[in-house]
Amino acid sequence: GYGSVFGSCASAGDDEDGVSFTGPFVPGVPNSFLITASNASCVLNAWVDWNRNGVFGDSAGEQIASNLNVAVGPPVLLSPVVPLTASPGRSYARFRCASVGGVGPTGP
């Protein structure tokens, strides 16, 4: 069978990390992302493809977190301002929480 976004695994508490946000996203207005690390601290790098060209980090403001330490505990709040040049419509975001900093939007 296939997993579900609403499913859980056999071990409680080991997959509750994540990102939540509010919308809609409006150019020139800050928006809130809550980042939760429940099992281990990490270094967060995050991008939003505001210009909707399929490439993360190629425009000013697309990297919304750079080597931000996220500890186990209460969520960390990110409040990036949506660029005035953001293209309207659906887009994508990438959040990478790693044991080291300096990771890019692609690769291992």
N, C-alpha and C. Protein backbone atom coordinates (compact mmCIF):
# COMPACT_ATOMS: atom_id res chain seq x y z
N GLY A 1 0.81 -1.18 0.00
CA GLY A 1 0.00 0.00 0.00
C GLY A 1 0.86 1.25 0.00
N TYR A 2 0.22 2.36 -0.12
CA TYR A 2 0.89 3.65 -0.14
C TYR A 2 0.58 4.42 1.13
N GLY A 3 1.52 5.24 1.54
CA GLY A 3 1.33 6.07 2.72
C GLY A 3 0.34 7.20 2.45
N SER A 4 -0.08 7.82 3.50
CA SER A 4 -1.02 8.93 3.41
C SER A 4 -0.44 10.13 4.13
N VAL A 5 -0.75 11.33 3.66
CA VAL A 5 -0.30 12.53 4.36
C VAL A 5 -0.93 12.61 5.74
N PHE A 6 -2.01 11.88 5.95
CA PHE A 6 -2.68 11.88 7.25
C PHE A 6 -2.28 10.67 8.09
N GLY A 7 -1.45 9.81 7.54
CA GLY A 7 -1.07 8.60 8.24
C GLY A 7 0.04 8.85 9.23
N SER A 8 0.41 7.81 9.94
CA SER A 8 1.51 7.86 10.88
C SER A 8 2.25 6.54 10.78
N CYS A 9 3.40 6.48 11.40
CA CYS A 9 4.17 5.25 11.37
C CYS A 9 3.99 4.51 12.68
N ALA A 10 4.67 3.38 12.80
CA ALA A 10 4.52 2.55 13.99
C ALA A 10 5.15 3.18 15.23
N SER A 11 6.14 4.06 15.05
CA SER A 11 6.83 4.68 16.19
C SER A 11 6.31 6.09 16.40
N ALA A 12 5.59 6.29 17.47
CA ALA A 12 5.03 7.61 17.76
C ALA A 12 6.13 8.63 18.01
N GLY A 13 5.95 9.83 17.47
CA GLY A 13 6.84 10.94 17.77
C GLY A 13 8.06 11.07 16.90
N ASP A 14 8.31 10.13 15.97
CA ASP A 14 9.53 10.23 15.20
C ASP A 14 9.35 10.87 13.83
N ASP A 15 8.16 11.35 13.52
CA ASP A 15 7.93 11.96 12.21
C ASP A 15 7.06 13.21 12.30
N GLU A 16 7.17 13.91 13.40
CA GLU A 16 6.30 15.07 13.61
C GLU A 16 6.98 16.40 13.30
N ASP A 17 8.16 16.37 12.70
CA ASP A 17 8.81 17.61 12.28
C ASP A 17 8.02 18.17 11.10
N GLY A 18 8.14 19.47 10.88
CA GLY A 18 7.45 19.98 9.72
C GLY A 18 7.34 21.47 9.64
N VAL A 19 6.63 21.91 8.61
CA VAL A 19 6.43 23.31 8.30
C VAL A 19 4.93 23.56 8.16
N SER A 20 4.46 24.60 8.79
CA SER A 20 3.08 25.03 8.57
C SER A 20 3.10 26.51 8.22
N PHE A 21 2.09 26.96 7.52
CA PHE A 21 2.05 28.36 7.11
C PHE A 21 0.62 28.83 6.98
N THR A 22 0.49 30.14 6.93
CA THR A 22 -0.82 30.75 6.70
C THR A 22 -0.80 31.41 5.33
N GLY A 23 -1.90 31.61 4.75
CA GLY A 23 -1.98 32.25 3.44
C GLY A 23 -3.22 33.11 3.41
N PRO A 24 -3.50 33.75 2.33
CA PRO A 24 -2.76 33.71 1.08
C PRO A 24 -1.51 34.58 1.14
N PHE A 25 -0.62 34.34 0.19
CA PHE A 25 0.60 35.14 0.09
C PHE A 25 0.32 36.36 -0.77
N VAL A 26 0.62 37.54 -0.24
CA VAL A 26 0.33 38.80 -0.93
C VAL A 26 1.64 39.57 -1.10
N PRO A 27 2.00 39.99 -2.32
CA PRO A 27 3.23 40.75 -2.52
C PRO A 27 3.30 41.97 -1.61
N GLY A 28 4.47 42.16 -1.00
CA GLY A 28 4.71 43.29 -0.12
C GLY A 28 4.28 43.07 1.31
N VAL A 29 3.71 41.91 1.60
CA VAL A 29 3.19 41.63 2.94
C VAL A 29 3.95 40.44 3.53
N PRO A 30 4.35 40.53 4.82
CA PRO A 30 5.00 39.37 5.45
C PRO A 30 4.01 38.23 5.65
N ASN A 31 4.53 37.02 5.61
CA ASN A 31 3.72 35.84 5.88
C ASN A 31 4.45 35.00 6.91
N SER A 32 3.75 34.11 7.57
CA SER A 32 4.34 33.33 8.66
C SER A 32 4.48 31.86 8.30
N PHE A 33 5.68 31.34 8.55
CA PHE A 33 5.97 29.92 8.47
C PHE A 33 6.39 29.48 9.86
N LEU A 34 5.82 28.41 10.37
CA LEU A 34 6.24 27.84 11.65
C LEU A 34 7.01 26.56 11.36
N ILE A 35 8.25 26.48 11.88
CA ILE A 35 9.12 25.34 11.66
C ILE A 35 9.23 24.56 12.96
N THR A 36 8.95 23.26 12.93
CA THR A 36 9.00 22.44 14.14
C THR A 36 10.01 21.32 13.97
N ALA A 37 10.92 21.21 14.92
CA ALA A 37 11.85 20.08 15.01
C ALA A 37 11.53 19.35 16.31
N SER A 38 11.05 18.13 16.21
CA SER A 38 10.62 17.44 17.42
C SER A 38 11.59 16.39 17.94
N ASN A 39 12.54 15.95 17.13
CA ASN A 39 13.44 14.87 17.56
C ASN A 39 14.90 15.27 17.65
N ALA A 40 15.34 16.16 16.81
CA ALA A 40 16.74 16.58 16.81
C ALA A 40 16.83 18.00 16.28
N SER A 41 17.76 18.76 16.83
CA SER A 41 18.00 20.11 16.33
C SER A 41 18.58 20.02 14.93
N CYS A 42 18.45 21.11 14.17
CA CYS A 42 18.98 21.10 12.82
C CYS A 42 19.31 22.52 12.38
N VAL A 43 19.93 22.61 11.21
CA VAL A 43 20.23 23.90 10.58
C VAL A 43 19.33 24.00 9.36
N LEU A 44 18.50 25.04 9.33
CA LEU A 44 17.49 25.19 8.29
C LEU A 44 17.92 26.15 7.19
N ASN A 45 17.72 25.73 5.96
CA ASN A 45 17.79 26.59 4.79
C ASN A 45 16.48 26.40 4.05
N ALA A 46 15.88 27.50 3.58
CA ALA A 46 14.57 27.40 2.94
C ALA A 46 14.45 28.39 1.79
N TRP A 47 13.69 28.00 0.79
CA TRP A 47 13.49 28.81 -0.41
C TRP A 47 12.03 28.76 -0.83
N VAL A 48 11.56 29.83 -1.45
CA VAL A 48 10.25 29.86 -2.10
C VAL A 48 10.49 30.33 -3.53
N ASP A 49 9.92 29.64 -4.49
CA ASP A 49 10.07 30.01 -5.91
C ASP A 49 9.05 31.09 -6.25
N TRP A 50 9.31 32.30 -5.74
CA TRP A 50 8.35 33.40 -5.90
C TRP A 50 8.08 33.74 -7.37
N ASN A 51 9.09 33.59 -8.25
CA ASN A 51 8.87 33.95 -9.65
C ASN A 51 8.33 32.78 -10.48
N ARG A 52 8.14 31.62 -9.83
CA ARG A 52 7.50 30.46 -10.44
C ARG A 52 8.17 29.96 -11.71
N ASN A 53 9.51 30.02 -11.73
CA ASN A 53 10.22 29.53 -12.91
C ASN A 53 10.83 28.15 -12.69
N GLY A 54 10.56 27.52 -11.55
CA GLY A 54 11.07 26.17 -11.28
C GLY A 54 12.48 26.12 -10.74
N VAL A 55 13.07 27.28 -10.43
CA VAL A 55 14.44 27.33 -9.92
C VAL A 55 14.42 28.05 -8.58
N PHE A 56 14.97 27.41 -7.54
CA PHE A 56 15.02 28.04 -6.22
C PHE A 56 16.28 28.89 -6.08
N GLY A 57 16.12 30.09 -5.57
CA GLY A 57 17.26 30.93 -5.24
C GLY A 57 17.85 31.74 -6.37
N ASP A 58 17.17 31.83 -7.50
CA ASP A 58 17.72 32.60 -8.62
C ASP A 58 17.27 34.06 -8.62
N SER A 59 16.41 34.45 -7.69
CA SER A 59 15.94 35.83 -7.59
C SER A 59 16.07 36.31 -6.16
N ALA A 60 16.18 37.62 -6.01
CA ALA A 60 16.28 38.21 -4.67
C ALA A 60 15.07 37.83 -3.84
N GLY A 61 15.30 37.44 -2.60
CA GLY A 61 14.22 37.13 -1.69
C GLY A 61 13.73 35.70 -1.73
N GLU A 62 14.24 34.86 -2.65
CA GLU A 62 13.76 33.49 -2.71
C GLU A 62 14.29 32.62 -1.57
N GLN A 63 15.49 32.91 -1.07
CA GLN A 63 15.96 32.17 0.10
C GLN A 63 15.42 32.88 1.34
N ILE A 64 14.51 32.21 2.05
CA ILE A 64 13.85 32.84 3.19
C ILE A 64 14.46 32.43 4.52
N ALA A 65 15.36 31.43 4.52
CA ALA A 65 16.11 31.06 5.73
C ALA A 65 17.49 30.62 5.30
N SER A 66 18.51 31.10 5.99
CA SER A 66 19.89 30.75 5.68
C SER A 66 20.62 30.35 6.95
N ASN A 67 20.91 29.06 7.06
CA ASN A 67 21.64 28.51 8.21
C ASN A 67 21.03 28.92 9.54
N LEU A 68 19.72 28.79 9.64
CA LEU A 68 18.99 29.12 10.86
C LEU A 68 18.95 27.90 11.77
N ASN A 69 19.44 28.04 13.00
CA ASN A 69 19.42 26.94 13.95
C ASN A 69 18.00 26.74 14.48
N VAL A 70 17.52 25.50 14.38
CA VAL A 70 16.19 25.15 14.87
C VAL A 70 16.39 24.08 15.95
N ALA A 71 15.97 24.39 17.16
CA ALA A 71 16.12 23.47 18.28
C ALA A 71 14.83 22.70 18.51
N VAL A 72 14.96 21.56 19.16
CA VAL A 72 13.78 20.80 19.57
C VAL A 72 13.02 21.66 20.57
N GLY A 73 11.72 21.73 20.41
CA GLY A 73 10.91 22.53 21.31
C GLY A 73 9.88 23.33 20.56
N PRO A 74 9.63 24.55 21.04
CA PRO A 74 8.61 25.37 20.39
C PRO A 74 8.98 25.68 18.94
N PRO A 75 7.99 25.86 18.08
CA PRO A 75 8.27 26.18 16.68
C PRO A 75 9.05 27.49 16.52
N VAL A 76 9.84 27.55 15.45
CA VAL A 76 10.56 28.76 15.07
C VAL A 76 9.70 29.48 14.03
N LEU A 77 9.58 30.79 14.17
CA LEU A 77 8.76 31.59 13.26
C LEU A 77 9.64 32.26 12.21
N LEU A 78 9.29 32.06 10.94
CA LEU A 78 9.89 32.80 9.82
C LEU A 78 8.81 33.74 9.31
N SER A 79 9.18 34.98 9.03
CA SER A 79 8.19 35.95 8.52
C SER A 79 8.74 36.70 7.31
N PRO A 80 8.98 35.99 6.20
CA PRO A 80 9.49 36.68 5.02
C PRO A 80 8.42 37.56 4.38
N VAL A 81 8.87 38.64 3.78
CA VAL A 81 7.97 39.50 3.01
C VAL A 81 7.93 38.97 1.58
N VAL A 82 6.75 38.77 1.07
CA VAL A 82 6.59 38.31 -0.31
C VAL A 82 7.07 39.44 -1.22
N PRO A 83 8.04 39.17 -2.13
CA PRO A 83 8.53 40.23 -3.01
C PRO A 83 7.42 40.84 -3.87
N LEU A 84 7.55 42.12 -4.15
CA LEU A 84 6.58 42.79 -5.02
C LEU A 84 6.60 42.21 -6.42
N THR A 85 7.71 41.56 -6.78
CA THR A 85 7.85 40.97 -8.11
C THR A 85 7.35 39.53 -8.18
N ALA A 86 6.78 39.00 -7.09
CA ALA A 86 6.30 37.62 -7.08
C ALA A 86 5.24 37.41 -8.15
N SER A 87 5.34 36.28 -8.85
CA SER A 87 4.35 35.95 -9.88
C SER A 87 3.10 35.38 -9.21
N PRO A 88 1.92 35.81 -9.64
CA PRO A 88 0.70 35.26 -9.05
C PRO A 88 0.49 33.80 -9.43
N GLY A 89 -0.16 33.06 -8.57
CA GLY A 89 -0.45 31.66 -8.82
C GLY A 89 0.26 30.74 -7.85
N ARG A 90 0.03 29.45 -8.01
CA ARG A 90 0.64 28.45 -7.13
C ARG A 90 2.13 28.33 -7.40
N SER A 91 2.87 28.10 -6.33
CA SER A 91 4.31 27.93 -6.45
C SER A 91 4.76 26.83 -5.51
N TYR A 92 6.07 26.72 -5.32
CA TYR A 92 6.65 25.69 -4.48
C TYR A 92 7.64 26.29 -3.50
N ALA A 93 7.84 25.56 -2.41
CA ALA A 93 8.84 25.94 -1.41
C ALA A 93 9.67 24.70 -1.11
N ARG A 94 10.89 24.92 -0.67
CA ARG A 94 11.75 23.82 -0.25
C ARG A 94 12.37 24.20 1.08
N PHE A 95 12.22 23.33 2.06
CA PHE A 95 12.78 23.51 3.40
C PHE A 95 13.73 22.35 3.65
N ARG A 96 15.01 22.67 3.94
CA ARG A 96 16.00 21.64 4.21
C ARG A 96 16.55 21.83 5.61
N CYS A 97 16.29 20.86 6.46
CA CYS A 97 16.76 20.87 7.84
C CYS A 97 17.84 19.80 7.93
N ALA A 98 19.08 20.21 8.08
CA ALA A 98 20.21 19.29 8.03
C ALA A 98 21.07 19.40 9.29
N SER A 99 21.98 18.46 9.43
CA SER A 99 22.87 18.48 10.59
C SER A 99 23.98 19.51 10.43
N VAL A 100 24.20 19.99 9.21
CA VAL A 100 25.21 21.02 8.95
C VAL A 100 24.58 22.14 8.13
N GLY A 101 25.19 23.31 8.16
CA GLY A 101 24.70 24.43 7.37
C GLY A 101 25.28 24.43 5.98
N GLY A 102 24.87 25.40 5.19
CA GLY A 102 25.43 25.59 3.87
C GLY A 102 24.86 24.70 2.79
N VAL A 103 23.77 23.99 3.06
CA VAL A 103 23.19 23.16 2.01
C VAL A 103 22.44 24.03 1.02
N GLY A 104 22.44 23.63 -0.23
CA GLY A 104 21.73 24.36 -1.26
C GLY A 104 20.33 23.81 -1.45
N PRO A 105 19.60 24.36 -2.40
CA PRO A 105 18.23 23.91 -2.63
C PRO A 105 18.13 22.56 -3.33
N THR A 106 19.24 22.06 -3.88
CA THR A 106 19.24 20.76 -4.55
C THR A 106 20.40 19.92 -4.03
N GLY A 107 20.37 18.66 -4.33
CA GLY A 107 21.48 17.78 -3.97
C GLY A 107 21.31 17.10 -2.63
N PRO A 108 22.36 16.34 -2.27
CA PRO A 108 22.29 15.58 -1.01
C PRO A 108 22.36 16.46 0.22
